[in-house]
Amino acid sequence: MEINYTKVGDYLLPNLTIEKQNNDKINKYGYLRLQHLKKNNKLLYTTLLMQNELTNHLVSVSIEAENRLNTFMEQYRNFDELLSEKNKNYNQLEWLKLMNNYKNRAEEIILKELIYNENV
């Protein structure tokens, strides 16, 4: 890797550029992963940052977490008869309470496995 320099006054400054990165959205799971890396795994954070892979890593974690959440919620809907559309129209508050409970359970699993896992 060759680094070119530009003379500014008495100093030589390196011409550093950021290569093209993934422009997909980073969701809340990606930002949670970023905060976790900054706080608990500075070595991996610095390595990803220096290799220009941090954004790609966060986007991939965001996509994976969103896919896992959708899979969990679909499985919960198929498993529990109380989450049917008929029950939703009949008893909305109970349906909403149950959906929130299942979503919280799914997010807890995702956070434990994807966000705070150092092997991702």
PDB file of N, CA and C in Angstrom:
ATOM      1  N   MET A   1       0.839  -1.171   0.000  1.00  0.00           N
ATOM      2  CA  MET A   1       0.000   0.000   0.000  1.00  0.00           C
ATOM      3  C   MET A   1       0.887   1.238   0.000  1.00  0.00           C
ATOM      4  N   GLU A   2       0.687   2.089  -0.964  1.00  0.00           N
ATOM      5  CA  GLU A   2       1.489   3.293  -1.087  1.00  0.00           C
ATOM      6  C   GLU A   2       0.682   4.486  -0.605  1.00  0.00           C
ATOM      7  N   ILE A   3       1.317   5.290   0.235  1.00  0.00           N
ATOM      8  CA  ILE A   3       0.649   6.477   0.763  1.00  0.00           C
ATOM      9  C   ILE A   3       1.315   7.704   0.160  1.00  0.00           C
ATOM     10  N   ASN A   4       0.527   8.558  -0.427  1.00  0.00           N
ATOM     11  CA  ASN A   4       1.019   9.817  -0.975  1.00  0.00           C
ATOM     12  C   ASN A   4       0.815  10.919   0.051  1.00  0.00           C
ATOM     13  N   TYR A   5       1.689  11.924   0.000  1.00  0.00           N
ATOM     14  CA  TYR A   5       1.637  13.009   0.957  1.00  0.00           C
ATOM     15  C   TYR A   5       1.498  14.345   0.232  1.00  0.00           C
ATOM     16  N   THR A   6       0.875  15.277   0.904  1.00  0.00           N
ATOM     17  CA  THR A   6       0.741  16.637   0.403  1.00  0.00           C
ATOM     18  C   THR A   6       1.435  17.560   1.389  1.00  0.00           C
ATOM     19  N   LYS A   7       2.260  18.479   0.851  1.00  0.00           N
ATOM     20  CA  LYS A   7       2.963  19.410   1.725  1.00  0.00           C
ATOM     21  C   LYS A   7       2.049  20.593   2.023  1.00  0.00           C
ATOM     22  N   VAL A   8       1.806  20.829   3.315  1.00  0.00           N
ATOM     23  CA  VAL A   8       1.001  21.949   3.779  1.00  0.00           C
ATOM     24  C   VAL A   8       1.872  22.725   4.753  1.00  0.00           C
ATOM     25  N   GLY A   9       2.372  23.858   4.302  1.00  0.00           N
ATOM     26  CA  GLY A   9       3.295  24.619   5.141  1.00  0.00           C
ATOM     27  C   GLY A   9       4.588  23.836   5.296  1.00  0.00           C
ATOM     28  N   ASP A  10       4.949  23.575   6.535  1.00  0.00           N
ATOM     29  CA  ASP A  10       6.154  22.799   6.821  1.00  0.00           C
ATOM     30  C   ASP A  10       5.855  21.319   7.055  1.00  0.00           C
ATOM     31  N   TYR A  11       4.614  20.913   6.892  1.00  0.00           N
ATOM     32  CA  TYR A  11       4.217  19.551   7.232  1.00  0.00           C
ATOM     33  C   TYR A  11       3.844  18.750   5.994  1.00  0.00           C
ATOM     34  N   LEU A  12       4.099  17.445   6.052  1.00  0.00           N
ATOM     35  CA  LEU A  12       3.631  16.510   5.033  1.00  0.00           C
ATOM     36  C   LEU A  12       2.438  15.762   5.613  1.00  0.00           C
ATOM     37  N   LEU A  13       1.272  15.934   5.015  1.00  0.00           N
ATOM     38  CA  LEU A  13       0.061  15.267   5.491  1.00  0.00           C
ATOM     39  C   LEU A  13      -0.304  14.148   4.536  1.00  0.00           C
ATOM     40  N   PRO A  14      -0.677  12.964   5.078  1.00  0.00           N
ATOM     41  CA  PRO A  14      -1.023  11.845   4.192  1.00  0.00           C
ATOM     42  C   PRO A  14      -2.352  12.102   3.480  1.00  0.00           C
ATOM     43  N   ASN A  15      -2.429  11.663   2.234  1.00  0.00           N
ATOM     44  CA  ASN A  15      -3.671  11.752   1.465  1.00  0.00           C
ATOM     45  C   ASN A  15      -4.490  10.499   1.755  1.00  0.00           C
ATOM     46  N   LEU A  16      -5.325  10.574   2.754  1.00  0.00           N
ATOM     47  CA  LEU A  16      -6.135   9.430   3.157  1.00  0.00           C
ATOM     48  C   LEU A  16      -7.549   9.610   2.630  1.00  0.00           C
ATOM     49  N   THR A  17      -8.100   8.546   2.083  1.00  0.00           N
ATOM     50  CA  THR A  17      -9.475   8.570   1.596  1.00  0.00           C
ATOM     51  C   THR A  17     -10.220   7.367   2.145  1.00  0.00           C
ATOM     52  N   ILE A  18     -11.506   7.505   2.256  1.00  0.00           N
ATOM     53  CA  ILE A  18     -12.353   6.403   2.697  1.00  0.00           C
ATOM     54  C   ILE A  18     -12.907   5.729   1.451  1.00  0.00           C
ATOM     55  N   GLU A  19     -12.710   4.423   1.392  1.00  0.00           N
ATOM     56  CA  GLU A  19     -13.236   3.678   0.253  1.00  0.00           C
ATOM     57  C   GLU A  19     -14.752   3.585   0.352  1.00  0.00           C
ATOM     58  N   LYS A  20     -15.362   3.189  -0.740  1.00  0.00           N
ATOM     59  CA  LYS A  20     -16.815   3.078  -0.785  1.00  0.00           C
ATOM     60  C   LYS A  20     -17.307   2.086   0.264  1.00  0.00           C
ATOM     61  N   GLN A  21     -18.352   2.476   0.979  1.00  0.00           N
ATOM     62  CA  GLN A  21     -18.912   1.647   2.021  1.00  0.00           C
ATOM     63  C   GLN A  21     -20.354   1.313   1.692  1.00  0.00           C
ATOM     64  N   ASN A  22     -20.873   0.369   2.428  1.00  0.00           N
ATOM     65  CA  ASN A  22     -22.260  -0.040   2.272  1.00  0.00           C
ATOM     66  C   ASN A  22     -23.161   1.109   2.718  1.00  0.00           C
ATOM     67  N   ASN A  23     -24.092   1.516   1.872  1.00  0.00           N
ATOM     68  CA  ASN A  23     -24.964   2.642   2.179  1.00  0.00           C
ATOM     69  C   ASN A  23     -26.325   2.221   2.719  1.00  0.00           C
ATOM     70  N   ASP A  24     -26.493   0.957   3.079  1.00  0.00           N
ATOM     71  CA  ASP A  24     -27.757   0.513   3.644  1.00  0.00           C
ATOM     72  C   ASP A  24     -27.957   1.136   5.023  1.00  0.00           C
ATOM     73  N   LYS A  25     -29.176   1.056   5.495  1.00  0.00           N
ATOM     74  CA  LYS A  25     -29.526   1.647   6.784  1.00  0.00           C
ATOM     75  C   LYS A  25     -29.012   0.790   7.936  1.00  0.00           C
ATOM     76  N   ILE A  26     -28.603   1.462   8.982  1.00  0.00           N
ATOM     77  CA  ILE A  26     -28.243   0.790  10.230  1.00  0.00           C
ATOM     78  C   ILE A  26     -29.401   1.006  11.186  1.00  0.00           C
ATOM     79  N   ASN A  27     -29.996  -0.083  11.666  1.00  0.00           N
ATOM     80  CA  ASN A  27     -31.139   0.050  12.562  1.00  0.00           C
ATOM     81  C   ASN A  27     -30.673   0.056  14.021  1.00  0.00           C
ATOM     82  N   LYS A  28     -31.607  -0.049  14.923  1.00  0.00           N
ATOM     83  CA  LYS A  28     -31.260   0.062  16.342  1.00  0.00           C
ATOM     84  C   LYS A  28     -30.315  -1.042  16.780  1.00  0.00           C
ATOM     85  N   TYR A  29     -30.414  -2.220  16.158  1.00  0.00           N
ATOM     86  CA  TYR A  29     -29.527  -3.320  16.523  1.00  0.00           C
ATOM     87  C   TYR A  29     -28.090  -3.012  16.115  1.00  0.00           C
ATOM     88  N   GLY A  30     -27.915  -2.371  14.972  1.00  0.00           N
ATOM     89  CA  GLY A  30     -26.583  -1.968  14.532  1.00  0.00           C
ATOM     90  C   GLY A  30     -25.976  -0.941  15.469  1.00  0.00           C
ATOM     91  N   TYR A  31     -26.787   0.017  15.904  1.00  0.00           N
ATOM     92  CA  TYR A  31     -26.282   1.033  16.821  1.00  0.00           C
ATOM     93  C   TYR A  31     -25.986   0.438  18.203  1.00  0.00           C
ATOM     94  N   LEU A  32     -26.783  -0.529  18.635  1.00  0.00           N
ATOM     95  CA  LEU A  32     -26.484  -1.212  19.894  1.00  0.00           C
ATOM     96  C   LEU A  32     -25.171  -1.975  19.788  1.00  0.00           C
ATOM     97  N   ARG A  33     -24.946  -2.616  18.632  1.00  0.00           N
ATOM     98  CA  ARG A  33     -23.689  -3.336  18.405  1.00  0.00           C
ATOM     99  C   ARG A  33     -22.511  -2.359  18.420  1.00  0.00           C
ATOM    100  N   LEU A  34     -22.685  -1.192  17.803  1.00  0.00           N
ATOM    101  CA  LEU A  34     -21.631  -0.185  17.783  1.00  0.00           C
ATOM    102  C   LEU A  34     -21.279   0.254  19.201  1.00  0.00           C
ATOM    103  N   GLN A  35     -22.287   0.558  20.009  1.00  0.00           N
ATOM    104  CA  GLN A  35     -22.037   0.976  21.390  1.00  0.00           C
ATOM    105  C   GLN A  35     -21.358  -0.127  22.187  1.00  0.00           C
ATOM    106  N   HIS A  36     -21.774  -1.371  21.943  1.00  0.00           N
ATOM    107  CA  HIS A  36     -21.158  -2.506  22.639  1.00  0.00           C
ATOM    108  C   HIS A  36     -19.682  -2.636  22.248  1.00  0.00           C
ATOM    109  N   LEU A  37     -19.380  -2.509  20.968  1.00  0.00           N
ATOM    110  CA  LEU A  37     -17.991  -2.615  20.523  1.00  0.00           C
ATOM    111  C   LEU A  37     -17.147  -1.489  21.103  1.00  0.00           C
ATOM    112  N   LYS A  38     -17.664  -0.272  21.097  1.00  0.00           N
ATOM    113  CA  LYS A  38     -16.911   0.863  21.628  1.00  0.00           C
ATOM    114  C   LYS A  38     -16.605   0.689  23.111  1.00  0.00           C
ATOM    115  N   LYS A  39     -17.565   0.155  23.835  1.00  0.00           N
ATOM    116  CA  LYS A  39     -17.416   0.054  25.282  1.00  0.00           C
ATOM    117  C   LYS A  39     -16.664  -1.204  25.714  1.00  0.00           C
ATOM    118  N   ASN A  40     -16.952  -2.344  25.085  1.00  0.00           N
ATOM    119  CA  ASN A  40     -16.463  -3.619  25.595  1.00  0.00           C
ATOM    120  C   ASN A  40     -15.421  -4.321  24.731  1.00  0.00           C
ATOM    121  N   ASN A  41     -15.287  -3.938  23.473  1.00  0.00           N
ATOM    122  CA  ASN A  41     -14.334  -4.614  22.607  1.00  0.00           C
ATOM    123  C   ASN A  41     -13.654  -3.584  21.708  1.00  0.00           C
ATOM    124  N   LYS A  42     -12.810  -2.776  22.327  1.00  0.00           N
ATOM    125  CA  LYS A  42     -12.161  -1.688  21.593  1.00  0.00           C
ATOM    126  C   LYS A  42     -11.208  -2.210  20.531  1.00  0.00           C
ATOM    127  N   LEU A  43     -10.646  -3.394  20.747  1.00  0.00           N
ATOM    128  CA  LEU A  43      -9.738  -3.965  19.760  1.00  0.00           C
ATOM    129  C   LEU A  43     -10.474  -4.272  18.452  1.00  0.00           C
ATOM    130  N   LEU A  44     -11.609  -4.960  18.549  1.00  0.00           N
ATOM    131  CA  LEU A  44     -12.388  -5.265  17.351  1.00  0.00           C
ATOM    132  C   LEU A  44     -12.925  -3.989  16.709  1.00  0.00           C
ATOM    133  N   TYR A  45     -13.380  -3.046  17.521  1.00  0.00           N
ATOM    134  CA  TYR A  45     -13.881  -1.776  17.002  1.00  0.00           C
ATOM    135  C   TYR A  45     -12.791  -1.050  16.206  1.00  0.00           C
ATOM    136  N   THR A  46     -11.604  -0.945  16.780  1.00  0.00           N
ATOM    137  CA  THR A  46     -10.503  -0.256  16.105  1.00  0.00           C
ATOM    138  C   THR A  46     -10.081  -0.989  14.841  1.00  0.00           C
ATOM    139  N   THR A  47     -10.035  -2.308  14.904  1.00  0.00           N
ATOM    140  CA  THR A  47      -9.654  -3.100  13.738  1.00  0.00           C
ATOM    141  C   THR A  47     -10.649  -2.897  12.599  1.00  0.00           C
ATOM    142  N   LEU A  48     -11.937  -2.996  12.901  1.00  0.00           N
ATOM    143  CA  LEU A  48     -12.958  -2.786  11.876  1.00  0.00           C
ATOM    144  C   LEU A  48     -12.897  -1.366  11.317  1.00  0.00           C
ATOM    145  N   LEU A  49     -12.653  -0.412  12.177  1.00  0.00           N
ATOM    146  CA  LEU A  49     -12.572   0.982  11.751  1.00  0.00           C
ATOM    147  C   LEU A  49     -11.367   1.206  10.839  1.00  0.00           C
ATOM    148  N   MET A  50     -10.238   0.653  11.196  1.00  0.00           N
ATOM    149  CA  MET A  50      -9.023   0.848  10.409  1.00  0.00           C
ATOM    150  C   MET A  50      -9.072   0.105   9.079  1.00  0.00           C
ATOM    151  N   GLN A  51      -9.779  -1.021   9.052  1.00  0.00           N
ATOM    152  CA  GLN A  51      -9.909  -1.780   7.810  1.00  0.00           C
ATOM    153  C   GLN A  51     -11.081  -1.301   6.966  1.00  0.00           C
ATOM    154  N   ASN A  52     -11.741  -0.236   7.421  1.00  0.00           N
ATOM    155  CA  ASN A  52     -12.880   0.340   6.703  1.00  0.00           C
ATOM    156  C   ASN A  52     -14.025  -0.668   6.563  1.00  0.00           C
ATOM    157  N   GLU A  53     -14.219  -1.495   7.574  1.00  0.00           N
ATOM    158  CA  GLU A  53     -15.264  -2.518   7.556  1.00  0.00           C
ATOM    159  C   GLU A  53     -16.320  -2.304   8.636  1.00  0.00           C
ATOM    160  N   LEU A  54     -16.208  -1.252   9.411  1.00  0.00           N
ATOM    161  CA  LEU A  54     -17.144  -1.045  10.524  1.00  0.00           C
ATOM    162  C   LEU A  54     -18.570  -0.863  10.031  1.00  0.00           C
ATOM    163  N   THR A  55     -18.760  -0.029   9.038  1.00  0.00           N
ATOM    164  CA  THR A  55     -20.109   0.207   8.510  1.00  0.00           C
ATOM    165  C   THR A  55     -20.692  -1.072   7.933  1.00  0.00           C
ATOM    166  N   ASN A  56     -19.887  -1.809   7.178  1.00  0.00           N
ATOM    167  CA  ASN A  56     -20.372  -3.071   6.607  1.00  0.00           C
ATOM    168  C   ASN A  56     -20.748  -4.056   7.705  1.00  0.00           C
ATOM    169  N   HIS A  57     -19.973  -4.105   8.774  1.00  0.00           N
ATOM    170  CA  HIS A  57     -20.265  -4.994   9.894  1.00  0.00           C
ATOM    171  C   HIS A  57     -21.584  -4.609  10.559  1.00  0.00           C
ATOM    172  N   LEU A  58     -21.768  -3.315  10.788  1.00  0.00           N
ATOM    173  CA  LEU A  58     -22.993  -2.849  11.450  1.00  0.00           C
ATOM    174  C   LEU A  58     -24.222  -3.083  10.585  1.00  0.00           C
ATOM    175  N   VAL A  59     -24.085  -2.895   9.277  1.00  0.00           N
ATOM    176  CA  VAL A  59     -25.203  -3.151   8.372  1.00  0.00           C
ATOM    177  C   VAL A  59     -25.542  -4.629   8.361  1.00  0.00           C
ATOM    178  N   SER A  60     -24.528  -5.493   8.343  1.00  0.00           N
ATOM    179  CA  SER A  60     -24.800  -6.932   8.326  1.00  0.00           C
ATOM    180  C   SER A  60     -25.456  -7.379   9.630  1.00  0.00           C
ATOM    181  N   VAL A  61     -25.031  -6.819  10.756  1.00  0.00           N
ATOM    182  CA  VAL A  61     -25.677  -7.139  12.037  1.00  0.00           C
ATOM    183  C   VAL A  61     -27.118  -6.644  12.027  1.00  0.00           C
ATOM    184  N   SER A  62     -27.356  -5.454  11.479  1.00  0.00           N
ATOM    185  CA  SER A  62     -28.715  -4.904  11.405  1.00  0.00           C
ATOM    186  C   SER A  62     -29.634  -5.800  10.583  1.00  0.00           C
ATOM    187  N   ILE A  63     -29.147  -6.224   9.427  1.00  0.00           N
ATOM    188  CA  ILE A  63     -29.955  -7.076   8.536  1.00  0.00           C
ATOM    189  C   ILE A  63     -30.220  -8.425   9.185  1.00  0.00           C
ATOM    190  N   GLU A  64     -29.181  -9.016   9.752  1.00  0.00           N
ATOM    191  CA  GLU A  64     -29.337 -10.328  10.396  1.00  0.00           C
ATOM    192  C   GLU A  64     -30.318 -10.256  11.567  1.00  0.00           C
ATOM    193  N   ALA A  65     -30.203  -9.215  12.383  1.00  0.00           N
ATOM    194  CA  ALA A  65     -31.097  -9.068  13.537  1.00  0.00           C
ATOM    195  C   ALA A  65     -32.542  -8.867  13.083  1.00  0.00           C
ATOM    196  N   GLU A  66     -32.746  -8.062  12.047  1.00  0.00           N
ATOM    197  CA  GLU A  66     -34.099  -7.823  11.541  1.00  0.00           C
ATOM    198  C   GLU A  66     -34.703  -9.106  10.972  1.00  0.00           C
ATOM    199  N   ASN A  67     -33.891  -9.866  10.249  1.00  0.00           N
ATOM    200  CA  ASN A  67     -34.367 -11.147   9.711  1.00  0.00           C
ATOM    201  C   ASN A  67     -34.722 -12.123  10.824  1.00  0.00           C
ATOM    202  N   ARG A  68     -33.892 -12.170  11.855  1.00  0.00           N
ATOM    203  CA  ARG A  68     -34.173 -13.062  12.984  1.00  0.00           C
ATOM    204  C   ARG A  68     -35.457 -12.652  13.700  1.00  0.00           C
ATOM    205  N   LEU A  69     -35.652 -11.339  13.885  1.00  0.00           N
ATOM    206  CA  LEU A  69     -36.866 -10.854  14.543  1.00  0.00           C
ATOM    207  C   LEU A  69     -38.102 -11.244  13.728  1.00  0.00           C
ATOM    208  N   ASN A  70     -38.050 -11.045  12.426  1.00  0.00           N
ATOM    209  CA  ASN A  70     -39.184 -11.410  11.571  1.00  0.00           C
ATOM    210  C   ASN A  70     -39.454 -12.905  11.611  1.00  0.00           C
ATOM    211  N   THR A  71     -38.398 -13.708  11.627  1.00  0.00           N
ATOM    212  CA  THR A  71     -38.557 -15.169  11.704  1.00  0.00           C
ATOM    213  C   THR A  71     -39.194 -15.571  13.019  1.00  0.00           C
ATOM    214  N   PHE A  72     -38.692 -15.014  14.119  1.00  0.00           N
ATOM    215  CA  PHE A  72     -39.267 -15.330  15.428  1.00  0.00           C
ATOM    216  C   PHE A  72     -40.746 -14.958  15.499  1.00  0.00           C
ATOM    217  N   MET A  73     -41.064 -13.746  15.027  1.00  0.00           N
ATOM    218  CA  MET A  73     -42.446 -13.292  15.111  1.00  0.00           C
ATOM    219  C   MET A  73     -43.365 -14.151  14.240  1.00  0.00           C
ATOM    220  N   GLU A  74     -42.900 -14.557  13.079  1.00  0.00           N
ATOM    221  CA  GLU A  74     -43.704 -15.433  12.215  1.00  0.00           C
ATOM    222  C   GLU A  74     -43.927 -16.783  12.886  1.00  0.00           C
ATOM    223  N   GLN A  75     -42.892 -17.312  13.525  1.00  0.00           N
ATOM    224  CA  GLN A  75     -43.043 -18.588  14.231  1.00  0.00           C
ATOM    225  C   GLN A  75     -44.015 -18.451  15.401  1.00  0.00           C
ATOM    226  N   TYR A  76     -43.924 -17.353  16.129  1.00  0.00           N
ATOM    227  CA  TYR A  76     -44.853 -17.132  17.244  1.00  0.00           C
ATOM    228  C   TYR A  76     -46.294 -17.028  16.743  1.00  0.00           C
ATOM    229  N   ARG A  77     -46.501 -16.336  15.614  1.00  0.00           N
ATOM    230  CA  ARG A  77     -47.856 -16.208  15.057  1.00  0.00           C
ATOM    231  C   ARG A  77     -48.412 -17.565  14.645  1.00  0.00           C
ATOM    232  N   ASN A  78     -47.579 -18.396  14.061  1.00  0.00           N
ATOM    233  CA  ASN A  78     -48.029 -19.719  13.640  1.00  0.00           C
ATOM    234  C   ASN A  78     -48.243 -20.661  14.818  1.00  0.00           C
ATOM    235  N   PHE A  79     -47.502 -20.445  15.888  1.00  0.00           N
ATOM    236  CA  PHE A  79     -47.561 -21.338  17.038  1.00  0.00           C
ATOM    237  C   PHE A  79     -48.741 -21.037  17.954  1.00  0.00           C
ATOM    238  N   ASP A  80     -49.035 -19.769  18.164  1.00  0.00           N
ATOM    239  CA  ASP A  80     -50.043 -19.376  19.147  1.00  0.00           C
ATOM    240  C   ASP A  80     -51.339 -18.957  18.443  1.00  0.00           C
ATOM    241  N   GLU A  81     -52.420 -19.658  18.753  1.00  0.00           N
ATOM    242  CA  GLU A  81     -53.722 -19.363  18.149  1.00  0.00           C
ATOM    243  C   GLU A  81     -54.280 -18.015  18.612  1.00  0.00           C
ATOM    244  N   LEU A  82     -53.819 -17.529  19.750  1.00  0.00           N
ATOM    245  CA  LEU A  82     -54.310 -16.246  20.265  1.00  0.00           C
ATOM    246  C   LEU A  82     -53.808 -15.061  19.443  1.00  0.00           C
ATOM    247  N   LEU A  83     -52.835 -15.293  18.560  1.00  0.00           N
ATOM    248  CA  LEU A  83     -52.305 -14.214  17.722  1.00  0.00           C
ATOM    249  C   LEU A  83     -52.977 -14.154  16.352  1.00  0.00           C
ATOM    250  N   SER A  84     -54.094 -14.841  16.203  1.00  0.00           N
ATOM    251  CA  SER A  84     -54.792 -14.849  14.916  1.00  0.00           C
ATOM    252  C   SER A  84     -55.510 -13.517  14.690  1.00  0.00           C
ATOM    253  N   GLU A  85     -55.851 -13.251  13.442  1.00  0.00           N
ATOM    254  CA  GLU A  85     -56.577 -12.026  13.094  1.00  0.00           C
ATOM    255  C   GLU A  85     -57.960 -12.012  13.753  1.00  0.00           C
ATOM    256  N   LYS A  86     -58.565 -13.175  13.888  1.00  0.00           N
ATOM    257  CA  LYS A  86     -59.881 -13.263  14.519  1.00  0.00           C
ATOM    258  C   LYS A  86     -59.800 -12.786  15.974  1.00  0.00           C
ATOM    259  N   ASN A  87     -58.769 -13.242  16.671  1.00  0.00           N
ATOM    260  CA  ASN A  87     -58.599 -12.842  18.063  1.00  0.00           C
ATOM    261  C   ASN A  87     -58.187 -11.369  18.163  1.00  0.00           C
ATOM    262  N   LYS A  88     -57.471 -10.889  17.163  1.00  0.00           N
ATOM    263  CA  LYS A  88     -57.074  -9.481  17.142  1.00  0.00           C
ATOM    264  C   LYS A  88     -58.310  -8.584  17.075  1.00  0.00           C
ATOM    265  N   ASN A  89     -59.272  -8.945  16.249  1.00  0.00           N
ATOM    266  CA  ASN A  89     -60.498  -8.160  16.142  1.00  0.00           C
ATOM    267  C   ASN A  89     -61.398  -8.322  17.362  1.00  0.00           C
ATOM    268  N   TYR A  90     -61.330  -9.485  18.000  1.00  0.00           N
ATOM    269  CA  TYR A  90     -62.194  -9.777  19.130  1.00  0.00           C
ATOM    270  C   TYR A  90     -61.708  -9.100  20.413  1.00  0.00           C
ATOM    271  N   ASN A  91     -60.406  -9.230  20.687  1.00  0.00           N
ATOM    272  CA  ASN A  91     -59.862  -8.710  21.937  1.00  0.00           C
ATOM    273  C   ASN A  91     -58.512  -8.037  21.652  1.00  0.00           C
ATOM    274  N   GLN A  92     -58.541  -6.797  21.260  1.00  0.00           N
ATOM    275  CA  GLN A  92     -57.343  -6.110  20.798  1.00  0.00           C
ATOM    276  C   GLN A  92     -56.286  -5.912  21.890  1.00  0.00           C
ATOM    277  N   LEU A  93     -56.713  -5.576  23.078  1.00  0.00           N
ATOM    278  CA  LEU A  93     -55.739  -5.330  24.144  1.00  0.00           C
ATOM    279  C   LEU A  93     -54.983  -6.600  24.524  1.00  0.00           C
ATOM    280  N   GLU A  94     -55.678  -7.704  24.641  1.00  0.00           N
ATOM    281  CA  GLU A  94     -55.009  -8.975  24.957  1.00  0.00           C
ATOM    282  C   GLU A  94     -54.075  -9.382  23.829  1.00  0.00           C
ATOM    283  N   TRP A  95     -54.517  -9.174  22.577  1.00  0.00           N
ATOM    284  CA  TRP A  95     -53.691  -9.510  21.427  1.00  0.00           C
ATOM    285  C   TRP A  95     -52.417  -8.660  21.421  1.00  0.00           C
ATOM    286  N   LEU A  96     -52.564  -7.362  21.685  1.00  0.00           N
ATOM    287  CA  LEU A  96     -51.422  -6.457  21.711  1.00  0.00           C
ATOM    288  C   LEU A  96     -50.457  -6.806  22.847  1.00  0.00           C
ATOM    289  N   LYS A  97     -51.007  -7.125  24.002  1.00  0.00           N
ATOM    290  CA  LYS A  97     -50.177  -7.505  25.144  1.00  0.00           C
ATOM    291  C   LYS A  97     -49.360  -8.760  24.823  1.00  0.00           C
ATOM    292  N   LEU A  98     -49.994  -9.727  24.198  1.00  0.00           N
ATOM    293  CA  LEU A  98     -49.316 -10.968  23.836  1.00  0.00           C
ATOM    294  C   LEU A  98     -48.255 -10.725  22.762  1.00  0.00           C
ATOM    295  N   MET A  99     -48.583  -9.892  21.757  1.00  0.00           N
ATOM    296  CA  MET A  99     -47.607  -9.574  20.707  1.00  0.00           C
ATOM    297  C   MET A  99     -46.384  -8.863  21.292  1.00  0.00           C
ATOM    298  N   ASN A 100     -46.609  -7.911  22.180  1.00  0.00           N
ATOM    299  CA  ASN A 100     -45.489  -7.206  22.818  1.00  0.00           C
ATOM    300  C   ASN A 100     -44.636  -8.158  23.646  1.00  0.00           C
ATOM    301  N   ASN A 101     -45.284  -9.083  24.312  1.00  0.00           N
ATOM    302  CA  ASN A 101     -44.559 -10.067  25.103  1.00  0.00           C
ATOM    303  C   ASN A 101     -43.666 -10.921  24.201  1.00  0.00           C
ATOM    304  N   TYR A 102     -44.206 -11.389  23.100  1.00  0.00           N
ATOM    305  CA  TYR A 102     -43.421 -12.197  22.173  1.00  0.00           C
ATOM    306  C   TYR A 102     -42.305 -11.385  21.522  1.00  0.00           C
ATOM    307  N   LYS A 103     -42.579 -10.135  21.198  1.00  0.00           N
ATOM    308  CA  LYS A 103     -41.547  -9.301  20.592  1.00  0.00           C
ATOM    309  C   LYS A 103     -40.417  -9.047  21.574  1.00  0.00           C
ATOM    310  N   ASN A 104     -40.744  -8.780  22.823  1.00  0.00           N
ATOM    311  CA  ASN A 104     -39.709  -8.587  23.842  1.00  0.00           C
ATOM    312  C   ASN A 104     -38.866  -9.845  24.020  1.00  0.00           C
ATOM    313  N   ARG A 105     -39.508 -10.987  23.984  1.00  0.00           N
ATOM    314  CA  ARG A 105     -38.788 -12.254  24.101  1.00  0.00           C
ATOM    315  C   ARG A 105     -37.837 -12.441  22.916  1.00  0.00           C
ATOM    316  N   ALA A 106     -38.312 -12.151  21.715  1.00  0.00           N
ATOM    317  CA  ALA A 106     -37.484 -12.296  20.519  1.00  0.00           C
ATOM    318  C   ALA A 106     -36.308 -11.310  20.550  1.00  0.00           C
ATOM    319  N   GLU A 107     -36.563 -10.074  20.958  1.00  0.00           N
ATOM    320  CA  GLU A 107     -35.492  -9.084  21.024  1.00  0.00           C
ATOM    321  C   GLU A 107     -34.453  -9.453  22.075  1.00  0.00           C
ATOM    322  N   GLU A 108     -34.885 -10.045  23.170  1.00  0.00           N
ATOM    323  CA  GLU A 108     -33.941 -10.476  24.194  1.00  0.00           C
ATOM    324  C   GLU A 108     -32.998 -11.546  23.638  1.00  0.00           C
ATOM    325  N   ILE A 109     -33.540 -12.467  22.880  1.00  0.00           N
ATOM    326  CA  ILE A 109     -32.719 -13.510  22.257  1.00  0.00           C
ATOM    327  C   ILE A 109     -31.756 -12.893  21.255  1.00  0.00           C
ATOM    328  N   ILE A 110     -32.244 -11.979  20.433  1.00  0.00           N
ATOM    329  CA  ILE A 110     -31.406 -11.338  19.419  1.00  0.00           C
ATOM    330  C   ILE A 110     -30.276 -10.553  20.078  1.00  0.00           C
ATOM    331  N   LEU A 111     -30.576  -9.800  21.100  1.00  0.00           N
ATOM    332  CA  LEU A 111     -29.545  -9.027  21.773  1.00  0.00           C
ATOM    333  C   LEU A 111     -28.474  -9.926  22.378  1.00  0.00           C
ATOM    334  N   LYS A 112     -28.905 -11.012  22.966  1.00  0.00           N
ATOM    335  CA  LYS A 112     -27.952 -11.922  23.590  1.00  0.00           C
ATOM    336  C   LYS A 112     -27.080 -12.620  22.548  1.00  0.00           C
ATOM    337  N   GLU A 113     -27.681 -13.054  21.442  1.00  0.00           N
ATOM    338  CA  GLU A 113     -26.942 -13.840  20.452  1.00  0.00           C
ATOM    339  C   GLU A 113     -26.170 -13.001  19.447  1.00  0.00           C
ATOM    340  N   LEU A 114     -26.736 -11.892  18.988  1.00  0.00           N
ATOM    341  CA  LEU A 114     -26.104 -11.137  17.910  1.00  0.00           C
ATOM    342  C   LEU A 114     -25.361  -9.890  18.387  1.00  0.00           C
ATOM    343  N   ILE A 115     -25.970  -9.136  19.233  1.00  0.00           N
ATOM    344  CA  ILE A 115     -25.422  -7.824  19.571  1.00  0.00           C
ATOM    345  C   ILE A 115     -24.273  -7.943  20.561  1.00  0.00           C
ATOM    346  N   TYR A 116     -24.468  -8.704  21.628  1.00  0.00           N
ATOM    347  CA  TYR A 116     -23.459  -8.774  22.677  1.00  0.00           C
ATOM    348  C   TYR A 116     -22.563  -9.978  22.541  1.00  0.00           C
ATOM    349  N   ASN A 117     -22.671 -10.715  21.453  1.00  0.00           N
ATOM    350  CA  ASN A 117     -21.824 -11.872  21.200  1.00  0.00           C
ATOM    351  C   ASN A 117     -20.551 -11.393  20.513  1.00  0.00           C
ATOM    352  N   GLU A 118     -19.406 -11.788  21.028  1.00  0.00           N
ATOM    353  CA  GLU A 118     -18.134 -11.323  20.460  1.00  0.00           C
ATOM    354  C   GLU A 118     -17.699 -12.137  19.250  1.00  0.00           C
ATOM    355  N   ASN A 119     -18.398 -13.204  18.920  1.00  0.00           N
ATOM    356  CA  ASN A 119     -18.009 -14.051  17.789  1.00  0.00           C
ATOM    357  C   ASN A 119     -18.665 -13.639  16.482  1.00  0.00           C
ATOM    358  N   VAL A 120     -19.473 -12.572  16.504  1.00  0.00           N
ATOM    359  CA  VAL A 120     -20.174 -12.146  15.289  1.00  0.00           C
ATOM    360  C   VAL A 120     -19.216 -11.417  14.387  1.00  0.00           C
TER     361      VAL A 120
END
